[in-house]
C-alpha atoms as a PDB file:
ATOM      1  CA  MET A   1      98.570  98.384 101.127  1.00  0.00           C
ATOM      2  CA  ASP A   2      99.788 100.571  98.480  1.00  0.00           C
ATOM      3  CA  PHE A   3     102.039 103.550  99.843  1.00  0.00           C
ATOM      4  CA  GLU A   4     103.277 104.799  96.598  1.00  0.00           C
ATOM      5  CA  ILE A   5      99.841 106.967  95.900  1.00  0.00           C
ATOM      6  CA  PHE A   6     101.040 108.911  99.108  1.00  0.00           C
ATOM      7  CA  LYS A   7     104.227 110.109  97.731  1.00  0.00           C
ATOM      8  CA  LEU A   8     105.978 109.572 101.160  1.00  0.00           C
ATOM      9  CA  ASN A   9     109.286 110.482  99.709  1.00  0.00           C
ATOM     10  CA  THR A  10     107.927 114.190 100.080  1.00  0.00           C
ATOM     11  CA  ILE A  11     108.592 113.984 103.884  1.00  0.00           C
ATOM     12  CA  LEU A  12     112.257 113.150 102.997  1.00  0.00           C
ATOM     13  CA  GLU A  13     112.671 115.764 100.211  1.00  0.00           C
ATOM     14  CA  LEU A  14     111.417 118.399 102.415  1.00  0.00           C
ATOM     15  CA  TRP A  15     113.816 117.322 105.103  1.00  0.00           C
ATOM     16  CA  TYR A  16     115.045 120.973 105.777  1.00  0.00           C
ATOM     17  CA  ILE A  17     111.255 121.698 106.458  1.00  0.00           C
ATOM     18  CA  VAL A  18     110.140 118.721 108.206  1.00  0.00           C
ATOM     19  CA  LEU A  19     113.347 118.028 110.593  1.00  0.00           C
ATOM     20  CA  PRO A  20     113.610 121.520 112.238  1.00  0.00           C
ATOM     21  CA  MET A  21     109.962 121.934 112.494  1.00  0.00           C
ATOM     22  CA  CYS A  22     109.274 118.507 113.994  1.00  0.00           C
ATOM     23  CA  VAL A  23     112.431 118.704 116.530  1.00  0.00           C
ATOM     24  CA  PHE A  24     111.351 121.969 117.779  1.00  0.00           C
ATOM     25  CA  LEU A  25     107.851 120.806 118.407  1.00  0.00           C
ATOM     26  CA  VAL A  26     108.960 117.378 120.033  1.00  0.00           C
ATOM     27  CA  PHE A  27     111.109 119.217 122.427  1.00  0.00           C
ATOM     28  CA  ALA A  28     109.676 122.562 122.802  1.00  0.00           C
ATOM     29  CA  ALA A  29     105.934 122.506 122.076  1.00  0.00           C
ATOM     30  CA  ARG A  30     105.342 124.525 125.200  1.00  0.00           C
ATOM     31  CA  TYR A  31     106.605 127.471 123.827  1.00  0.00           C
ATOM     32  CA  LEU A  32     104.333 127.476 120.552  1.00  0.00           C
ATOM     33  CA  GLU A  33     100.802 127.635 121.972  1.00  0.00           C
ATOM     34  CA  ASN A  34     100.008 130.730 120.186  1.00  0.00           C
ATOM     35  CA  ILE A  35     100.935 129.227 116.584  1.00  0.00           C
ATOM     36  CA  LEU A  36     100.573 125.539 117.597  1.00  0.00           C
ATOM     37  CA  MET A  37      97.267 125.384 115.673  1.00  0.00           C
ATOM     38  CA  SER A  38      98.861 126.800 112.573  1.00  0.00           C
ATOM     39  CA  LEU A  39     102.030 124.424 112.506  1.00  0.00           C
ATOM     40  CA  LEU A  40      99.888 121.474 112.984  1.00  0.00           C
ATOM     41  CA  GLY A  41      97.477 122.541 110.338  1.00  0.00           C
ATOM     42  CA  PHE A  42     100.810 122.695 107.807  1.00  0.00           C
ATOM     43  CA  LEU A  43     102.017 119.398 108.988  1.00  0.00           C
ATOM     44  CA  LEU A  44      98.370 117.759 108.348  1.00  0.00           C
ATOM     45  CA  GLY A  45      97.736 119.416 105.375  1.00  0.00           C
ATOM     46  CA  SER A  46     101.273 118.857 103.729  1.00  0.00           C
ATOM     47  CA  PHE A  47     101.796 115.228 104.789  1.00  0.00           C
ATOM     48  CA  PHE A  48      98.202 113.650 105.321  1.00  0.00           C
ATOM     49  CA  VAL A  49      95.535 115.806 103.730  1.00  0.00           C
ATOM     50  CA  SER A  50      97.538 116.421 100.339  1.00  0.00           C
ATOM     51  CA  PRO A  51      98.240 112.671  99.537  1.00  0.00           C
ATOM     52  CA  LEU A  52      94.315 111.804 100.221  1.00  0.00           C
ATOM     53  CA  ILE A  53      93.176 114.709  97.870  1.00  0.00           C
ATOM     54  CA  ILE A  54      95.606 113.705  94.882  1.00  0.00           C
ATOM     55  CA  GLU A  55      94.558 109.801  95.494  1.00  0.00           C
ATOM     56  CA  TRP A  56      90.751 111.303  95.432  1.00  0.00           C
ATOM     57  CA  MET A  57      91.598 113.179  92.176  1.00  0.00           C
ATOM     58  CA  GLY A  58      92.385 109.968  90.332  1.00  0.00           C
ATOM     59  CA  ARG A  59      88.501 109.161  90.882  1.00  0.00           C
ATOM     60  CA  VAL A  60      87.133 112.183  89.369  1.00  0.00           C
ATOM     61  CA  GLU A  61      87.524 112.353  85.562  1.00  0.00           C
ATOM     62  CA  LEU A  62      88.037 115.975  85.306  1.00  0.00           C
ATOM     63  CA  LEU A  63      90.952 115.858  87.748  1.00  0.00           C
ATOM     64  CA  SER A  64      92.533 112.584  86.569  1.00  0.00           C
ATOM     65  CA  GLY A  65      94.829 114.308  84.561  1.00  0.00           C
ATOM     66  CA  LEU A  66      95.730 116.885  87.025  1.00  0.00           C
ATOM     67  CA  GLN A  67      96.701 113.959  89.314  1.00  0.00           C
ATOM     68  CA  GLN A  68      98.866 112.366  86.730  1.00  0.00           C
ATOM     69  CA  LYS A  69     100.660 115.718  86.148  1.00  0.00           C
ATOM     70  CA  LEU A  70     101.311 116.185  90.033  1.00  0.00           C
ATOM     71  CA  LEU A  71     102.625 112.524  90.523  1.00  0.00           C
ATOM     72  CA  GLU A  72     104.926 112.576  87.545  1.00  0.00           C
ATOM     73  CA  ASN A  73     106.359 116.226  88.083  1.00  0.00           C
ATOM     74  CA  SER A  74     107.906 116.419  91.427  1.00  0.00           C
ATOM     75  CA  THR A  75     108.233 120.053  91.326  1.00  0.00           C
ATOM     76  CA  ALA A  76     104.577 120.647  90.978  1.00  0.00           C
ATOM     77  CA  HIS A  77     103.710 118.021  93.782  1.00  0.00           C
ATOM     78  CA  LEU A  78     106.087 119.817  96.243  1.00  0.00           C
ATOM     79  CA  ILE A  79     104.517 123.332  95.198  1.00  0.00           C
ATOM     80  CA  PHE A  80     101.075 121.558  95.696  1.00  0.00           C
ATOM     81  CA  VAL A  81     101.948 120.106  99.132  1.00  0.00           C
ATOM     82  CA  LEU A  82     103.602 123.348 100.523  1.00  0.00           C
ATOM     83  CA  VAL A  83     100.609 125.519  99.328  1.00  0.00           C
ATOM     84  CA  LEU A  84      98.037 123.040 100.786  1.00  0.00           C
ATOM     85  CA  GLY A  85      99.911 122.987 104.002  1.00  0.00           C
ATOM     86  CA  VAL A  86     100.019 126.709 104.376  1.00  0.00           C
ATOM     87  CA  LEU A  87      96.440 126.796 103.376  1.00  0.00           C
ATOM     88  CA  CYS A  88      95.392 124.404 106.148  1.00  0.00           C
ATOM     89  CA  GLY A  89      97.577 126.165 108.623  1.00  0.00           C
ATOM     90  CA  ALA A  90      95.962 129.538 107.821  1.00  0.00           C
ATOM     91  CA  VAL A  91      92.623 128.186 107.872  1.00  0.00           C
ATOM     92  CA  LEU A  92      93.064 126.234 111.029  1.00  0.00           C
ATOM     93  CA  TYR A  93      94.734 129.422 112.963  1.00  0.00           C
ATOM     94  CA  GLY A  94      91.844 131.507 111.842  1.00  0.00           C
ATOM     95  CA  LEU A  95      89.233 129.264 112.921  1.00  0.00           C
ATOM     96  CA  TYR A  96      90.821 127.929 115.880  1.00  0.00           C
ATOM     97  CA  LYS A  97      87.829 127.357 118.018  1.00  0.00           C
ATOM     98  CA  ILE A  98      85.549 125.772 115.155  1.00  0.00           C
ATOM     99  CA  PHE A  99      88.753 123.410 114.037  1.00  0.00           C
ATOM    100  CA  VAL A 100      89.592 122.200 117.568  1.00  0.00           C
ATOM    101  CA  PHE A 101      87.161 119.347 117.239  1.00  0.00           C
ATOM    102  CA  LEU A 102      88.371 118.805 113.425  1.00  0.00           C
ATOM    103  CA  ALA A 103      91.810 118.916 114.770  1.00  0.00           C
ATOM    104  CA  GLY A 104      91.509 116.098 116.999  1.00  0.00           C
ATOM    105  CA  PHE A 105      89.268 113.789 114.972  1.00  0.00           C
ATOM    106  CA  LEU A 106      91.459 114.232 111.538  1.00  0.00           C
ATOM    107  CA  ALA A 107      94.779 113.809 113.649  1.00  0.00           C
ATOM    108  CA  ALA A 108      93.397 110.763 115.677  1.00  0.00           C
ATOM    109  CA  GLY A 109      91.366 109.238 112.928  1.00  0.00           C
ATOM    110  CA  ALA A 110      94.240 109.348 110.381  1.00  0.00           C
ATOM    111  CA  LEU A 111      96.513 107.736 112.952  1.00  0.00           C
ATOM    112  CA  GLY A 112      93.876 105.120 113.539  1.00  0.00           C
ATOM    113  CA  TYR A 113      93.290 104.494 109.900  1.00  0.00           C
ATOM    114  CA  TYR A 114      96.936 104.337 108.878  1.00  0.00           C
ATOM    115  CA  LEU A 115      97.950 102.148 111.910  1.00  0.00           C
ATOM    116  CA  THR A 116      95.161  99.796 111.327  1.00  0.00           C
ATOM    117  CA  ARG A 117      95.864  99.343 107.590  1.00  0.00           C
ATOM    118  CA  LEU A 118      99.434  98.685 108.668  1.00  0.00           C
ATOM    119  CA  ILE A 119      98.503  95.998 111.103  1.00  0.00           C
ATOM    120  CA  LEU A 120      95.979  94.507 108.577  1.00  0.00           C
ATOM    121  CA  GLN A 121      98.083  94.809 105.575  1.00  0.00           C
ATOM    122  CA  SER A 122      99.165  91.121 105.555  1.00  0.00           C
ATOM    123  CA  LYS A 123      95.879  89.697 106.844  1.00  0.00           C
ATOM    124  CA  GLU A 124      92.343  89.214 105.276  1.00  0.00           C
ATOM    125  CA  LEU A 125      89.011  89.658 107.326  1.00  0.00           C
ATOM    126  CA  GLY A 126      86.789  88.628 104.930  1.00  0.00           C
ATOM    127  CA  VAL A 127      83.471  89.992 103.491  1.00  0.00           C
ATOM    128  CA  ILE A 128      80.134  90.325 105.316  1.00  0.00           C
ATOM    129  CA  GLY A 129      77.393  90.958 102.800  1.00  0.00           C
ATOM    130  CA  GLN A 130      78.518  93.461 100.344  1.00  0.00           C
ATOM    131  CA  PHE A 131      80.970  94.925 102.870  1.00  0.00           C
ATOM    132  CA  ASP A 132      84.803  94.465 102.562  1.00  0.00           C
ATOM    133  CA  LEU A 133      86.067  94.548 106.258  1.00  0.00           C
ATOM    134  CA  ASP A 134      89.616  95.114 105.022  1.00  0.00           C
ATOM    135  CA  VAL A 135      88.109  98.591 103.871  1.00  0.00           C
ATOM    136  CA  LEU A 136      85.694  99.306 106.558  1.00  0.00           C
ATOM    137  CA  ALA A 137      87.838  98.371 109.725  1.00  0.00           C
ATOM    138  CA  PRO A 138      90.740 101.062 109.305  1.00  0.00           C
ATOM    139  CA  ILE A 139      87.850 103.576 108.535  1.00  0.00           C
ATOM    140  CA  GLY A 140      85.841 102.534 111.412  1.00  0.00           C
ATOM    141  CA  VAL A 141      88.824 102.386 113.799  1.00  0.00           C
ATOM    142  CA  GLY A 142      89.807 105.883 112.424  1.00  0.00           C
ATOM    143  CA  ALA A 143      86.167 107.119 112.841  1.00  0.00           C
ATOM    144  CA  LEU A 144      85.943 106.189 116.536  1.00  0.00           C
ATOM    145  CA  LEU A 145      89.306 107.210 117.436  1.00  0.00           C
ATOM    146  CA  GLY A 146      88.627 110.384 115.830  1.00  0.00           C
ATOM    147  CA  VAL A 147      85.200 111.145 117.352  1.00  0.00           C
ATOM    148  CA  ALA A 148      86.777 110.336 120.817  1.00  0.00           C
ATOM    149  CA  CYS A 149      89.708 112.457 120.550  1.00  0.00           C
ATOM    150  CA  GLY A 150      87.607 115.231 118.825  1.00  0.00           C
ATOM    151  CA  LEU A 151      85.144 115.363 121.872  1.00  0.00           C
ATOM    152  CA  ILE A 152      88.427 115.347 124.340  1.00  0.00           C
ATOM    153  CA  ALA A 153      89.913 118.162 122.304  1.00  0.00           C
ATOM    154  CA  VAL A 154      86.857 120.539 122.884  1.00  0.00           C
ATOM    155  CA  ARG A 155      87.030 120.014 126.725  1.00  0.00           C
ATOM    156  CA  LYS A 156      90.691 120.427 126.875  1.00  0.00           C
ATOM    157  CA  SER A 157      91.718 121.864 123.613  1.00  0.00           C
ATOM    158  CA  SER A 158      95.313 123.397 124.455  1.00  0.00           C
ATOM    159  CA  GLN A 159      96.555 120.220 126.302  1.00  0.00           C
ATOM    160  CA  VAL A 160      95.111 117.820 123.667  1.00  0.00           C
ATOM    161  CA  LEU A 161      96.396 120.085 120.774  1.00  0.00           C
ATOM    162  CA  ALA A 162      99.936 119.909 122.240  1.00  0.00           C
ATOM    163  CA  VAL A 163      99.599 116.169 122.138  1.00  0.00           C
ATOM    164  CA  ILE A 164      98.199 115.793 119.032  1.00  0.00           C
ATOM    165  CA  SER A 165     101.024 118.023 117.643  1.00  0.00           C
ATOM    166  CA  LEU A 166     103.883 115.880 119.593  1.00  0.00           C
ATOM    167  CA  LEU A 167     101.991 112.835 118.159  1.00  0.00           C
ATOM    168  CA  VAL A 168     102.176 113.937 114.410  1.00  0.00           C
ATOM    169  CA  ALA A 169     105.800 115.532 114.690  1.00  0.00           C
ATOM    170  CA  SER A 170     107.278 112.548 116.570  1.00  0.00           C
ATOM    171  CA  GLY A 171     105.940 110.488 113.800  1.00  0.00           C
ATOM    172  CA  LEU A 172     106.858 112.482 111.028  1.00  0.00           C
ATOM    173  CA  LEU A 173     110.272 112.783 112.519  1.00  0.00           C
ATOM    174  CA  SER A 174     110.390 108.907 113.073  1.00  0.00           C
ATOM    175  CA  PHE A 175     109.672 108.418 109.552  1.00  0.00           C
ATOM    176  CA  SER A 176     112.504 110.882 108.264  1.00  0.00           C
ATOM    177  CA  LEU A 177     114.997 109.209 110.475  1.00  0.00           C
ATOM    178  CA  VAL A 178     113.906 105.336 109.712  1.00  0.00           C
ATOM    179  CA  GLY A 179     113.310 106.539 106.120  1.00  0.00           C
ATOM    180  CA  TRP A 180     116.564 108.069 105.370  1.00  0.00           C
ATOM    181  CA  SER A 181     118.493 104.972 107.325  1.00  0.00           C
ATOM    182  CA  TYR A 182     116.422 102.466 104.723  1.00  0.00           C
ATOM    183  CA  VAL A 183     117.246 104.414 101.810  1.00  0.00           C
ATOM    184  CA  LEU A 184     120.952 104.658 102.571  1.00  0.00           C
ATOM    185  CA  MET A 185     121.452 101.200 103.600  1.00  0.00           C
ATOM    186  CA  LYS A 186     119.360  99.706 100.344  1.00  0.00           C
ATOM    187  CA  LYS A 187     120.849 102.641  98.191  1.00  0.00           C
ATOM    188  CA  ILE A 188     117.864 103.226  96.707  1.00  0.00           C
ATOM    189  CA  PRO A 189     116.568 106.625  95.652  1.00  0.00           C
ATOM    190  CA  THR A 190     114.002 108.354  97.897  1.00  0.00           C
ATOM    191  CA  GLU A 191     110.952 107.660  95.507  1.00  0.00           C
ATOM    192  CA  GLU A 192     111.005 104.000  96.769  1.00  0.00           C
ATOM    193  CA  VAL A 193     111.326 104.705 100.514  1.00  0.00           C
ATOM    194  CA  SER A 194     107.693 103.669 100.906  1.00  0.00           C
ATOM    195  CA  LYS A 195     108.819  99.906 100.221  1.00  0.00           C
ATOM    196  CA  MET A 196     110.236 100.272 103.853  1.00  0.00           C
ATOM    197  CA  PHE A 197     106.794  99.361 105.011  1.00  0.00           C
ATOM    198  CA  GLU A 198     107.172  95.797 103.161  1.00  0.00           C
ATOM    199  CA  ASN A 199     109.592  95.134 105.476  1.00  0.00           C
ATOM    200  CA  LYS A 200     108.127  94.315 108.931  1.00  0.00           C
ATOM    201  CA  PRO A 201     111.459  94.914 110.840  1.00  0.00           C
ATOM    202  CA  ILE A 202     111.825  98.230 109.426  1.00  0.00           C
ATOM    203  CA  THR A 203     108.195  99.067 110.193  1.00  0.00           C
ATOM    204  CA  PHE A 204     108.605  97.679 113.724  1.00  0.00           C
ATOM    205  CA  ALA A 205     111.621  99.911 113.785  1.00  0.00           C
ATOM    206  CA  PHE A 206     109.628 102.874 112.772  1.00  0.00           C
ATOM    207  CA  VAL A 207     106.850 102.342 115.318  1.00  0.00           C
ATOM    208  CA  ILE A 208     109.157 101.977 118.188  1.00  0.00           C
ATOM    209  CA  VAL A 209     111.005 105.461 117.210  1.00  0.00           C
ATOM    210  CA  TRP A 210     107.843 106.980 116.977  1.00  0.00           C
ATOM    211  CA  LEU A 211     106.859 105.967 120.621  1.00  0.00           C
ATOM    212  CA  VAL A 212     110.256 106.569 121.954  1.00  0.00           C
ATOM    213  CA  LEU A 213     110.217 109.875 120.759  1.00  0.00           C
ATOM    214  CA  LEU A 214     106.607 110.613 121.846  1.00  0.00           C
ATOM    215  CA  ALA A 215     107.286 109.306 125.502  1.00  0.00           C
ATOM    216  CA  LEU A 216     110.214 111.654 125.799  1.00  0.00           C
ATOM    217  CA  SER A 217     108.237 114.717 124.325  1.00  0.00           C
ATOM    218  CA  VAL A 218     105.071 114.473 126.253  1.00  0.00           C
ATOM    219  CA  PRO A 219     106.797 114.637 129.674  1.00  0.00           C
ATOM    220  CA  LEU A 220     109.583 116.914 128.528  1.00  0.00           C
ATOM    221  CA  ASN A 221     106.788 119.495 127.489  1.00  0.00           C
ATOM    222  CA  PHE A 222     104.012 118.656 130.197  1.00  0.00           C
ATOM    223  CA  LYS A 223     106.087 118.223 133.145  1.00  0.00           C
ATOM    224  CA  ARG A 224     107.859 121.667 132.886  1.00  0.00           C
ATOM    225  CA  ARG A 225     104.528 123.265 132.477  1.00  0.00           C
ATOM    226  CA  ALA A 226     103.344 121.838 135.586  1.00  0.00           C
ATOM    227  CA  LYS A 227     106.597 123.250 137.641  1.00  0.00           C
ATOM    228  CA  ALA A 228     105.711 126.768 136.248  1.00  0.00           C
ATOM    229  CA  ALA A 229     102.008 126.597 137.516  1.00  0.00           C
ATOM    230  CA  PRO A 230     102.487 126.743 141.429  1.00  0.00           C
ATOM    231  CA  ARG A 231     105.037 129.770 140.913  1.00  0.00           C
ATOM    232  CA  GLU A 232     102.401 131.602 138.999  1.00  0.00           C
ATOM    233  CA  GLY A 233      99.947 130.775 142.048  1.00  0.00           C
ATOM    234  CA  LYS A 234     102.387 131.990 144.380  1.00  0.00           C
ATOM    235  CA  SER A 235     102.954 135.209 142.653  1.00  0.00           C
ATOM    236  CA  VAL A 236      99.454 136.018 142.255  1.00  0.00           C
ATOM    237  CA  ASN A 237      98.821 135.566 146.126  1.00  0.00           C
ATOM    238  CA  GLN A 238     101.619 137.610 147.101  1.00  0.00           C
END
């Protein structure tokens, strides 16, 4: 899988935004319920939606020139990423109820898609008729996971939104930590950080750190909420 189109070095270059936001989300998401959707929208818009849009631009003749400028001009690319992140955050915050399903669908769908592509990057599933399974399998897994999480999100929006935020934040934090370690160890420019996924031990380390951060953040946020609930109930009864 070619990760260069996704400009993953942007995550490292925007460390002063990514690290504080992700650390705070991972360890204190319970304090951010009112603005959790806008923060999640910013993260998704900046680091998941923007690379997909830039890749799509290359398929449209009228926008191919703009795509080239964004890929060649790092300043223009960073501005595009930040503006799209702010727009996604504002839209999701303003239309919270409508986008509860979409937030669950996009976050879980993107996760399922990217992880499936990672798992299958060194394998060939073959072709059935005119359908390339190497392309359809990640899309299918992402769509199924997205629909399932989207339906759950509608029923338990606040809890699911918190989990999705923790999932995205811990993933970005894991990439930042492992990515910077890889860049410093290899003594390469940040533009080549996407090559870390060509190294299976580094990819494995990225997934492990992601899961560890997620395993720490979920109980840290939800256990304290559970402890606070009985106290609120007692005060009401009194």
